[in-house]
Amino acid sequence: MRSGAYSGDRYLLQPDVSSIGRHPDSVVCLDDVTVSRRHAEVQCTDGVYSVVDLGSLNGTYVNQTRIDEGAIEHGDELQIGKYRMVFFDGSQA
């Protein structure tokens, strides 16, 4: 996590789909009003990662561009509500 109350935190994503949102069952739980309960998902298919906005109020951004769905790569910045995080693909490290 690059900014926000969780700055410095790291999250291990699930092998297929990882939820991001305010809901406590989310893989990446971000407890803030700028984050929807079910905000976005990170999906991995055949080693290719993508992020999908789930109809959130404040949107999902990849490298400062608002997206509905899009590929993400090692080093890309995701913004969910007021939180900014960097995607690290462990196979690239």
PDB file of N, CA and C in Angstrom:
ATOM      1  N   MET A   1       0.851  -1.169   0.000  1.00  0.00           N
ATOM      2  CA  MET A   1       0.000   0.000   0.000  1.00  0.00           C
ATOM      3  C   MET A   1       0.896   1.230   0.000  1.00  0.00           C
ATOM      4  N   ARG A   2       0.643   2.126  -0.907  1.00  0.00           N
ATOM      5  CA  ARG A   2       1.477   3.315  -1.053  1.00  0.00           C
ATOM      6  C   ARG A   2       0.958   4.482  -0.222  1.00  0.00           C
ATOM      7  N   SER A   3      -0.365   4.638  -0.087  1.00  0.00           N
ATOM      8  CA  SER A   3      -0.890   5.766   0.676  1.00  0.00           C
ATOM      9  C   SER A   3      -2.151   5.362   1.414  1.00  0.00           C
ATOM     10  N   GLY A   4      -2.530   6.185   2.390  1.00  0.00           N
ATOM     11  CA  GLY A   4      -3.714   5.916   3.191  1.00  0.00           C
ATOM     12  C   GLY A   4      -3.330   5.335   4.537  1.00  0.00           C
ATOM     13  N   ALA A   5      -4.339   5.015   5.327  1.00  0.00           N
ATOM     14  CA  ALA A   5      -4.122   4.512   6.683  1.00  0.00           C
ATOM     15  C   ALA A   5      -3.351   3.197   6.701  1.00  0.00           C
ATOM     16  N   TYR A   6      -3.368   2.463   5.599  1.00  0.00           N
ATOM     17  CA  TYR A   6      -2.699   1.163   5.524  1.00  0.00           C
ATOM     18  C   TYR A   6      -1.354   1.249   4.800  1.00  0.00           C
ATOM     19  N   SER A   7      -0.791   2.441   4.702  1.00  0.00           N
ATOM     20  CA  SER A   7       0.476   2.649   3.999  1.00  0.00           C
ATOM     21  C   SER A   7       1.545   1.698   4.520  1.00  0.00           C
ATOM     22  N   GLY A   8       2.218   1.021   3.603  1.00  0.00           N
ATOM     23  CA  GLY A   8       3.255   0.059   3.962  1.00  0.00           C
ATOM     24  C   GLY A   8       2.757  -1.367   4.066  1.00  0.00           C
ATOM     25  N   ASP A   9       1.444  -1.561   4.177  1.00  0.00           N
ATOM     26  CA  ASP A   9       0.889  -2.914   4.259  1.00  0.00           C
ATOM     27  C   ASP A   9       1.037  -3.624   2.916  1.00  0.00           C
ATOM     28  N   ARG A  10       1.130  -4.959   2.995  1.00  0.00           N
ATOM     29  CA  ARG A  10       1.187  -5.797   1.792  1.00  0.00           C
ATOM     30  C   ARG A  10       0.079  -6.830   1.878  1.00  0.00           C
ATOM     31  N   TYR A  11      -0.471  -7.177   0.738  1.00  0.00           N
ATOM     32  CA  TYR A  11      -1.564  -8.141   0.675  1.00  0.00           C
ATOM     33  C   TYR A  11      -1.196  -9.230  -0.320  1.00  0.00           C
ATOM     34  N   LEU A  12      -1.374 -10.475   0.085  1.00  0.00           N
ATOM     35  CA  LEU A  12      -1.131 -11.615  -0.793  1.00  0.00           C
ATOM     36  C   LEU A  12      -2.438 -11.953  -1.498  1.00  0.00           C
ATOM     37  N   LEU A  13      -2.434 -11.871  -2.814  1.00  0.00           N
ATOM     38  CA  LEU A  13      -3.643 -12.122  -3.584  1.00  0.00           C
ATOM     39  C   LEU A  13      -3.877 -13.615  -3.757  1.00  0.00           C
ATOM     40  N   GLN A  14      -5.138 -13.979  -3.940  1.00  0.00           N
ATOM     41  CA  GLN A  14      -5.520 -15.365  -4.185  1.00  0.00           C
ATOM     42  C   GLN A  14      -5.086 -15.765  -5.598  1.00  0.00           C
ATOM     43  N   PRO A  15      -4.936 -17.072  -5.859  1.00  0.00           N
ATOM     44  CA  PRO A  15      -4.454 -17.508  -7.175  1.00  0.00           C
ATOM     45  C   PRO A  15      -5.401 -17.188  -8.337  1.00  0.00           C
ATOM     46  N   ASP A  16      -6.706 -17.026  -8.071  1.00  0.00           N
ATOM     47  CA  ASP A  16      -7.643 -16.787  -9.171  1.00  0.00           C
ATOM     48  C   ASP A  16      -8.328 -15.425  -9.079  1.00  0.00           C
ATOM     49  N   VAL A  17      -9.091 -15.175  -8.017  1.00  0.00           N
ATOM     50  CA  VAL A  17      -9.821 -13.914  -7.855  1.00  0.00           C
ATOM     51  C   VAL A  17      -9.633 -13.392  -6.438  1.00  0.00           C
ATOM     52  N   SER A  18      -9.300 -12.108  -6.326  1.00  0.00           N
ATOM     53  CA  SER A  18      -9.146 -11.457  -5.024  1.00  0.00           C
ATOM     54  C   SER A  18     -10.042 -10.228  -4.978  1.00  0.00           C
ATOM     55  N   SER A  19     -10.892 -10.172  -3.958  1.00  0.00           N
ATOM     56  CA  SER A  19     -11.815  -9.051  -3.812  1.00  0.00           C
ATOM     57  C   SER A  19     -11.152  -7.890  -3.079  1.00  0.00           C
ATOM     58  N   ILE A  20     -11.534  -6.680  -3.475  1.00  0.00           N
ATOM     59  CA  ILE A  20     -11.075  -5.458  -2.819  1.00  0.00           C
ATOM     60  C   ILE A  20     -12.313  -4.651  -2.471  1.00  0.00           C
ATOM     61  N   GLY A  21     -12.412  -4.232  -1.210  1.00  0.00           N
ATOM     62  CA  GLY A  21     -13.563  -3.429  -0.822  1.00  0.00           C
ATOM     63  C   GLY A  21     -13.609  -3.175   0.666  1.00  0.00           C
ATOM     64  N   ARG A  22     -14.700  -2.557   1.082  1.00  0.00           N
ATOM     65  CA  ARG A  22     -14.899  -2.230   2.487  1.00  0.00           C
ATOM     66  C   ARG A  22     -15.453  -3.415   3.273  1.00  0.00           C
ATOM     67  N   HIS A  23     -16.020  -4.397   2.598  1.00  0.00           N
ATOM     68  CA  HIS A  23     -16.604  -5.562   3.275  1.00  0.00           C
ATOM     69  C   HIS A  23     -15.506  -6.331   4.004  1.00  0.00           C
ATOM     70  N   PRO A  24     -15.762  -6.733   5.257  1.00  0.00           N
ATOM     71  CA  PRO A  24     -14.719  -7.415   6.038  1.00  0.00           C
ATOM     72  C   PRO A  24     -14.246  -8.745   5.446  1.00  0.00           C
ATOM     73  N   ASP A  25     -15.024  -9.353   4.563  1.00  0.00           N
ATOM     74  CA  ASP A  25     -14.611 -10.611   3.929  1.00  0.00           C
ATOM     75  C   ASP A  25     -13.708 -10.397   2.718  1.00  0.00           C
ATOM     76  N   SER A  26     -13.454  -9.155   2.352  1.00  0.00           N
ATOM     77  CA  SER A  26     -12.597  -8.867   1.197  1.00  0.00           C
ATOM     78  C   SER A  26     -11.166  -9.307   1.467  1.00  0.00           C
ATOM     79  N   VAL A  27     -10.498  -9.820   0.445  1.00  0.00           N
ATOM     80  CA  VAL A  27      -9.082 -10.181   0.567  1.00  0.00           C
ATOM     81  C   VAL A  27      -8.279  -8.936   0.932  1.00  0.00           C
ATOM     82  N   VAL A  28      -8.590  -7.820   0.270  1.00  0.00           N
ATOM     83  CA  VAL A  28      -7.989  -6.524   0.602  1.00  0.00           C
ATOM     84  C   VAL A  28      -9.124  -5.657   1.150  1.00  0.00           C
ATOM     85  N   CYS A  29      -9.217  -5.581   2.478  1.00  0.00           N
ATOM     86  CA  CYS A  29     -10.279  -4.828   3.145  1.00  0.00           C
ATOM     87  C   CYS A  29      -9.772  -3.424   3.463  1.00  0.00           C
ATOM     88  N   LEU A  30     -10.436  -2.419   2.883  1.00  0.00           N
ATOM     89  CA  LEU A  30     -10.074  -1.018   3.075  1.00  0.00           C
ATOM     90  C   LEU A  30     -11.272  -0.304   3.694  1.00  0.00           C
ATOM     91  N   ASP A  31     -11.204  -0.061   4.985  1.00  0.00           N
ATOM     92  CA  ASP A  31     -12.334   0.470   5.738  1.00  0.00           C
ATOM     93  C   ASP A  31     -12.371   1.994   5.658  1.00  0.00           C
ATOM     94  N   ASP A  32     -13.002   2.503   4.598  1.00  0.00           N
ATOM     95  CA  ASP A  32     -13.127   3.946   4.420  1.00  0.00           C
ATOM     96  C   ASP A  32     -14.339   4.217   3.531  1.00  0.00           C
ATOM     97  N   VAL A  33     -15.011   5.344   3.755  1.00  0.00           N
ATOM     98  CA  VAL A  33     -16.222   5.663   2.988  1.00  0.00           C
ATOM     99  C   VAL A  33     -15.956   5.885   1.501  1.00  0.00           C
ATOM    100  N   THR A  34     -14.713   6.121   1.104  1.00  0.00           N
ATOM    101  CA  THR A  34     -14.394   6.301  -0.319  1.00  0.00           C
ATOM    102  C   THR A  34     -14.305   4.967  -1.062  1.00  0.00           C
ATOM    103  N   VAL A  35     -14.396   3.868  -0.315  1.00  0.00           N
ATOM    104  CA  VAL A  35     -14.298   2.519  -0.881  1.00  0.00           C
ATOM    105  C   VAL A  35     -15.667   1.852  -0.777  1.00  0.00           C
ATOM    106  N   SER A  36     -16.159   1.300  -1.881  1.00  0.00           N
ATOM    107  CA  SER A  36     -17.431   0.576  -1.868  1.00  0.00           C
ATOM    108  C   SER A  36     -17.260  -0.769  -1.169  1.00  0.00           C
ATOM    109  N   ARG A  37     -18.371  -1.314  -0.673  1.00  0.00           N
ATOM    110  CA  ARG A  37     -18.298  -2.609   0.027  1.00  0.00           C
ATOM    111  C   ARG A  37     -17.692  -3.681  -0.885  1.00  0.00           C
ATOM    112  N   ARG A  38     -18.132  -3.739  -2.096  1.00  0.00           N
ATOM    113  CA  ARG A  38     -17.577  -4.642  -3.118  1.00  0.00           C
ATOM    114  C   ARG A  38     -17.068  -3.745  -4.240  1.00  0.00           C
ATOM    115  N   HIS A  39     -15.846  -3.289  -4.136  1.00  0.00           N
ATOM    116  CA  HIS A  39     -15.323  -2.235  -5.014  1.00  0.00           C
ATOM    117  C   HIS A  39     -14.751  -2.794  -6.320  1.00  0.00           C
ATOM    118  N   ALA A  40     -13.851  -3.768  -6.204  1.00  0.00           N
ATOM    119  CA  ALA A  40     -13.157  -4.285  -7.394  1.00  0.00           C
ATOM    120  C   ALA A  40     -12.655  -5.697  -7.128  1.00  0.00           C
ATOM    121  N   GLU A  41     -12.214  -6.338  -8.186  1.00  0.00           N
ATOM    122  CA  GLU A  41     -11.572  -7.652  -8.088  1.00  0.00           C
ATOM    123  C   GLU A  41     -10.300  -7.652  -8.918  1.00  0.00           C
ATOM    124  N   VAL A  42      -9.297  -8.356  -8.412  1.00  0.00           N
ATOM    125  CA  VAL A  42      -8.110  -8.654  -9.211  1.00  0.00           C
ATOM    126  C   VAL A  42      -8.251 -10.109  -9.628  1.00  0.00           C
ATOM    127  N   GLN A  43      -8.172 -10.351 -10.924  1.00  0.00           N
ATOM    128  CA  GLN A  43      -8.334 -11.696 -11.466  1.00  0.00           C
ATOM    129  C   GLN A  43      -7.044 -12.130 -12.137  1.00  0.00           C
ATOM    130  N   CYS A  44      -6.760 -13.425 -12.044  1.00  0.00           N
ATOM    131  CA  CYS A  44      -5.594 -13.982 -12.723  1.00  0.00           C
ATOM    132  C   CYS A  44      -6.054 -15.154 -13.583  1.00  0.00           C
ATOM    133  N   THR A  45      -5.799 -15.047 -14.876  1.00  0.00           N
ATOM    134  CA  THR A  45      -6.144 -16.105 -15.823  1.00  0.00           C
ATOM    135  C   THR A  45      -4.907 -16.422 -16.647  1.00  0.00           C
ATOM    136  N   ASP A  46      -4.437 -17.653 -16.544  1.00  0.00           N
ATOM    137  CA  ASP A  46      -3.250 -18.097 -17.286  1.00  0.00           C
ATOM    138  C   ASP A  46      -2.053 -17.183 -17.054  1.00  0.00           C
ATOM    139  N   GLY A  47      -1.895 -16.722 -15.811  1.00  0.00           N
ATOM    140  CA  GLY A  47      -0.751 -15.888 -15.448  1.00  0.00           C
ATOM    141  C   GLY A  47      -0.864 -14.429 -15.834  1.00  0.00           C
ATOM    142  N   VAL A  48      -2.015 -14.037 -16.403  1.00  0.00           N
ATOM    143  CA  VAL A  48      -2.248 -12.639 -16.781  1.00  0.00           C
ATOM    144  C   VAL A  48      -3.221 -12.031 -15.774  1.00  0.00           C
ATOM    145  N   TYR A  49      -2.818 -10.905 -15.177  1.00  0.00           N
ATOM    146  CA  TYR A  49      -3.636 -10.251 -14.157  1.00  0.00           C
ATOM    147  C   TYR A  49      -4.467  -9.129 -14.759  1.00  0.00           C
ATOM    148  N   SER A  50      -5.678  -8.978 -14.226  1.00  0.00           N
ATOM    149  CA  SER A  50      -6.535  -7.860 -14.614  1.00  0.00           C
ATOM    150  C   SER A  50      -7.301  -7.394 -13.389  1.00  0.00           C
ATOM    151  N   VAL A  51      -7.773  -6.154 -13.451  1.00  0.00           N
ATOM    152  CA  VAL A  51      -8.600  -5.602 -12.381  1.00  0.00           C
ATOM    153  C   VAL A  51      -9.943  -5.231 -12.993  1.00  0.00           C
ATOM    154  N   VAL A  52     -11.012  -5.523 -12.246  1.00  0.00           N
ATOM    155  CA  VAL A  52     -12.373  -5.266 -12.701  1.00  0.00           C
ATOM    156  C   VAL A  52     -13.078  -4.424 -11.645  1.00  0.00           C
ATOM    157  N   ASP A  53     -13.592  -3.261 -12.049  1.00  0.00           N
ATOM    158  CA  ASP A  53     -14.403  -2.444 -11.150  1.00  0.00           C
ATOM    159  C   ASP A  53     -15.788  -3.078 -11.059  1.00  0.00           C
ATOM    160  N   LEU A  54     -16.332  -3.169  -9.855  1.00  0.00           N
ATOM    161  CA  LEU A  54     -17.622  -3.825  -9.648  1.00  0.00           C
ATOM    162  C   LEU A  54     -18.761  -2.817  -9.511  1.00  0.00           C
ATOM    163  N   GLY A  55     -18.680  -1.720 -10.252  1.00  0.00           N
ATOM    164  CA  GLY A  55     -19.720  -0.700 -10.195  1.00  0.00           C
ATOM    165  C   GLY A  55     -19.562   0.228  -9.005  1.00  0.00           C
ATOM    166  N   SER A  56     -18.338   0.440  -8.573  1.00  0.00           N
ATOM    167  CA  SER A  56     -18.073   1.283  -7.404  1.00  0.00           C
ATOM    168  C   SER A  56     -18.462   2.734  -7.674  1.00  0.00           C
ATOM    169  N   LEU A  57     -18.779   3.455  -6.606  1.00  0.00           N
ATOM    170  CA  LEU A  57     -19.165   4.859  -6.725  1.00  0.00           C
ATOM    171  C   LEU A  57     -17.991   5.741  -7.143  1.00  0.00           C
ATOM    172  N   ASN A  58     -16.823   5.526  -6.544  1.00  0.00           N
ATOM    173  CA  ASN A  58     -15.668   6.395  -6.783  1.00  0.00           C
ATOM    174  C   ASN A  58     -14.707   5.879  -7.842  1.00  0.00           C
ATOM    175  N   GLY A  59     -14.988   4.728  -8.414  1.00  0.00           N
ATOM    176  CA  GLY A  59     -14.180   4.222  -9.512  1.00  0.00           C
ATOM    177  C   GLY A  59     -12.908   3.514  -9.090  1.00  0.00           C
ATOM    178  N   THR A  60     -12.312   2.849 -10.066  1.00  0.00           N
ATOM    179  CA  THR A  60     -11.050   2.141  -9.918  1.00  0.00           C
ATOM    180  C   THR A  60     -10.107   2.700 -10.973  1.00  0.00           C
ATOM    181  N   TYR A  61      -8.888   2.984 -10.565  1.00  0.00           N
ATOM    182  CA  TYR A  61      -7.912   3.618 -11.452  1.00  0.00           C
ATOM    183  C   TYR A  61      -6.664   2.755 -11.566  1.00  0.00           C
ATOM    184  N   VAL A  62      -6.129   2.653 -12.766  1.00  0.00           N
ATOM    185  CA  VAL A  62      -4.841   2.014 -13.011  1.00  0.00           C
ATOM    186  C   VAL A  62      -3.955   3.072 -13.651  1.00  0.00           C
ATOM    187  N   ASN A  63      -2.853   3.373 -12.979  1.00  0.00           N
ATOM    188  CA  ASN A  63      -1.930   4.409 -13.460  1.00  0.00           C
ATOM    189  C   ASN A  63      -2.669   5.715 -13.786  1.00  0.00           C
ATOM    190  N   GLN A  64      -3.562   6.104 -12.885  1.00  0.00           N
ATOM    191  CA  GLN A  64      -4.320   7.363 -12.925  1.00  0.00           C
ATOM    192  C   GLN A  64      -5.374   7.425 -14.027  1.00  0.00           C
ATOM    193  N   THR A  65      -5.696   6.294 -14.643  1.00  0.00           N
ATOM    194  CA  THR A  65      -6.750   6.230 -15.655  1.00  0.00           C
ATOM    195  C   THR A  65      -7.904   5.398 -15.108  1.00  0.00           C
ATOM    196  N   ARG A  66      -9.108   5.985 -15.116  1.00  0.00           N
ATOM    197  CA  ARG A  66     -10.274   5.250 -14.618  1.00  0.00           C
ATOM    198  C   ARG A  66     -10.602   4.112 -15.579  1.00  0.00           C
ATOM    199  N   ILE A  67     -10.847   2.937 -15.009  1.00  0.00           N
ATOM    200  CA  ILE A  67     -11.125   1.764 -15.838  1.00  0.00           C
ATOM    201  C   ILE A  67     -12.384   1.050 -15.335  1.00  0.00           C
ATOM    202  N   ASP A  68     -13.020   0.313 -16.224  1.00  0.00           N
ATOM    203  CA  ASP A  68     -14.052  -0.642 -15.833  1.00  0.00           C
ATOM    204  C   ASP A  68     -13.409  -2.015 -15.690  1.00  0.00           C
ATOM    205  N   GLU A  69     -12.487  -2.299 -16.607  1.00  0.00           N
ATOM    206  CA  GLU A  69     -11.723  -3.544 -16.583  1.00  0.00           C
ATOM    207  C   GLU A  69     -10.452  -3.305 -17.379  1.00  0.00           C
ATOM    208  N   GLY A  70      -9.347  -3.860 -16.892  1.00  0.00           N
ATOM    209  CA  GLY A  70      -8.109  -3.696 -17.634  1.00  0.00           C
ATOM    210  C   GLY A  70      -6.991  -4.546 -17.076  1.00  0.00           C
ATOM    211  N   ALA A  71      -6.030  -4.826 -17.925  1.00  0.00           N
ATOM    212  CA  ALA A  71      -4.863  -5.611 -17.522  1.00  0.00           C
ATOM    213  C   ALA A  71      -3.995  -4.791 -16.575  1.00  0.00           C
ATOM    214  N   ILE A  72      -3.339  -5.478 -15.651  1.00  0.00           N
ATOM    215  CA  ILE A  72      -2.359  -4.833 -14.781  1.00  0.00           C
ATOM    216  C   ILE A  72      -1.074  -5.636 -14.842  1.00  0.00           C
ATOM    217  N   GLU A  73       0.027  -4.914 -14.719  1.00  0.00           N
ATOM    218  CA  GLU A  73       1.345  -5.526 -14.795  1.00  0.00           C
ATOM    219  C   GLU A  73       2.170  -5.108 -13.594  1.00  0.00           C
ATOM    220  N   HIS A  74       3.250  -5.825 -13.389  1.00  0.00           N
ATOM    221  CA  HIS A  74       4.185  -5.548 -12.301  1.00  0.00           C
ATOM    222  C   HIS A  74       4.548  -4.059 -12.285  1.00  0.00           C
ATOM    223  N   GLY A  75       4.357  -3.413 -11.139  1.00  0.00           N
ATOM    224  CA  GLY A  75       4.704  -2.005 -10.981  1.00  0.00           C
ATOM    225  C   GLY A  75       3.574  -1.023 -11.243  1.00  0.00           C
ATOM    226  N   ASP A  76       2.434  -1.494 -11.759  1.00  0.00           N
ATOM    227  CA  ASP A  76       1.301  -0.596 -11.998  1.00  0.00           C
ATOM    228  C   ASP A  76       0.727  -0.098 -10.673  1.00  0.00           C
ATOM    229  N   GLU A  77       0.208   1.136 -10.702  1.00  0.00           N
ATOM    230  CA  GLU A  77      -0.425   1.709  -9.513  1.00  0.00           C
ATOM    231  C   GLU A  77      -1.938   1.586  -9.629  1.00  0.00           C
ATOM    232  N   LEU A  78      -2.561   1.017  -8.598  1.00  0.00           N
ATOM    233  CA  LEU A  78      -4.014   0.935  -8.506  1.00  0.00           C
ATOM    234  C   LEU A  78      -4.480   1.965  -7.498  1.00  0.00           C
ATOM    235  N   GLN A  79      -5.594   2.626  -7.795  1.00  0.00           N
ATOM    236  CA  GLN A  79      -6.213   3.517  -6.823  1.00  0.00           C
ATOM    237  C   GLN A  79      -7.628   3.040  -6.589  1.00  0.00           C
ATOM    238  N   ILE A  80      -7.919   2.762  -5.319  1.00  0.00           N
ATOM    239  CA  ILE A  80      -9.229   2.326  -4.862  1.00  0.00           C
ATOM    240  C   ILE A  80      -9.657   3.332  -3.804  1.00  0.00           C
ATOM    241  N   GLY A  81     -10.670   4.144  -4.100  1.00  0.00           N
ATOM    242  CA  GLY A  81     -11.032   5.214  -3.167  1.00  0.00           C
ATOM    243  C   GLY A  81      -9.835   6.126  -2.974  1.00  0.00           C
ATOM    244  N   LYS A  82      -9.510   6.429  -1.725  1.00  0.00           N
ATOM    245  CA  LYS A  82      -8.369   7.312  -1.455  1.00  0.00           C
ATOM    246  C   LYS A  82      -7.054   6.549  -1.345  1.00  0.00           C
ATOM    247  N   TYR A  83      -7.089   5.241  -1.521  1.00  0.00           N
ATOM    248  CA  TYR A  83      -5.903   4.406  -1.337  1.00  0.00           C
ATOM    249  C   TYR A  83      -5.187   4.151  -2.655  1.00  0.00           C
ATOM    250  N   ARG A  84      -3.877   4.283  -2.605  1.00  0.00           N
ATOM    251  CA  ARG A  84      -3.041   3.961  -3.765  1.00  0.00           C
ATOM    252  C   ARG A  84      -2.137   2.800  -3.390  1.00  0.00           C
ATOM    253  N   MET A  85      -2.052   1.845  -4.299  1.00  0.00           N
ATOM    254  CA  MET A  85      -1.225   0.665  -4.047  1.00  0.00           C
ATOM    255  C   MET A  85      -0.500   0.286  -5.326  1.00  0.00           C
ATOM    256  N   VAL A  86       0.615  -0.394  -5.166  1.00  0.00           N
ATOM    257  CA  VAL A  86       1.414  -0.835  -6.306  1.00  0.00           C
ATOM    258  C   VAL A  86       1.260  -2.341  -6.431  1.00  0.00           C
ATOM    259  N   PHE A  87       0.997  -2.798  -7.653  1.00  0.00           N
ATOM    260  CA  PHE A  87       0.855  -4.225  -7.918  1.00  0.00           C
ATOM    261  C   PHE A  87       2.232  -4.827  -8.165  1.00  0.00           C
ATOM    262  N   PHE A  88       2.572  -5.837  -7.372  1.00  0.00           N
ATOM    263  CA  PHE A  88       3.825  -6.566  -7.553  1.00  0.00           C
ATOM    264  C   PHE A  88       3.508  -8.001  -7.918  1.00  0.00           C
ATOM    265  N   ASP A  89       3.964  -8.420  -9.075  1.00  0.00           N
ATOM    266  CA  ASP A  89       3.837  -9.805  -9.521  1.00  0.00           C
ATOM    267  C   ASP A  89       5.062 -10.539  -9.010  1.00  0.00           C
ATOM    268  N   GLY A  90       4.865 -11.434  -8.049  1.00  0.00           N
ATOM    269  CA  GLY A  90       5.975 -12.148  -7.422  1.00  0.00           C
ATOM    270  C   GLY A  90       6.848 -12.901  -8.407  1.00  0.00           C
ATOM    271  N   SER A  91       6.284 -13.329  -9.537  1.00  0.00           N
ATOM    272  CA  SER A  91       7.088 -14.051 -10.526  1.00  0.00           C
ATOM    273  C   SER A  91       8.033 -13.109 -11.267  1.00  0.00           C
ATOM    274  N   GLN A  92       7.806 -11.790 -11.155  1.00  0.00           N
ATOM    275  CA  GLN A  92       8.648 -10.795 -11.818  1.00  0.00           C
ATOM    276  C   GLN A  92       9.771 -10.294 -10.918  1.00  0.00           C
ATOM    277  N   ALA A  93       9.669 -10.607  -9.625  1.00  0.00           N
ATOM    278  CA  ALA A  93      10.651 -10.067  -8.659  1.00  0.00           C
ATOM    279  C   ALA A  93      11.944 -10.846  -8.673  1.00  0.00           C
TER     280      ALA A  93
END
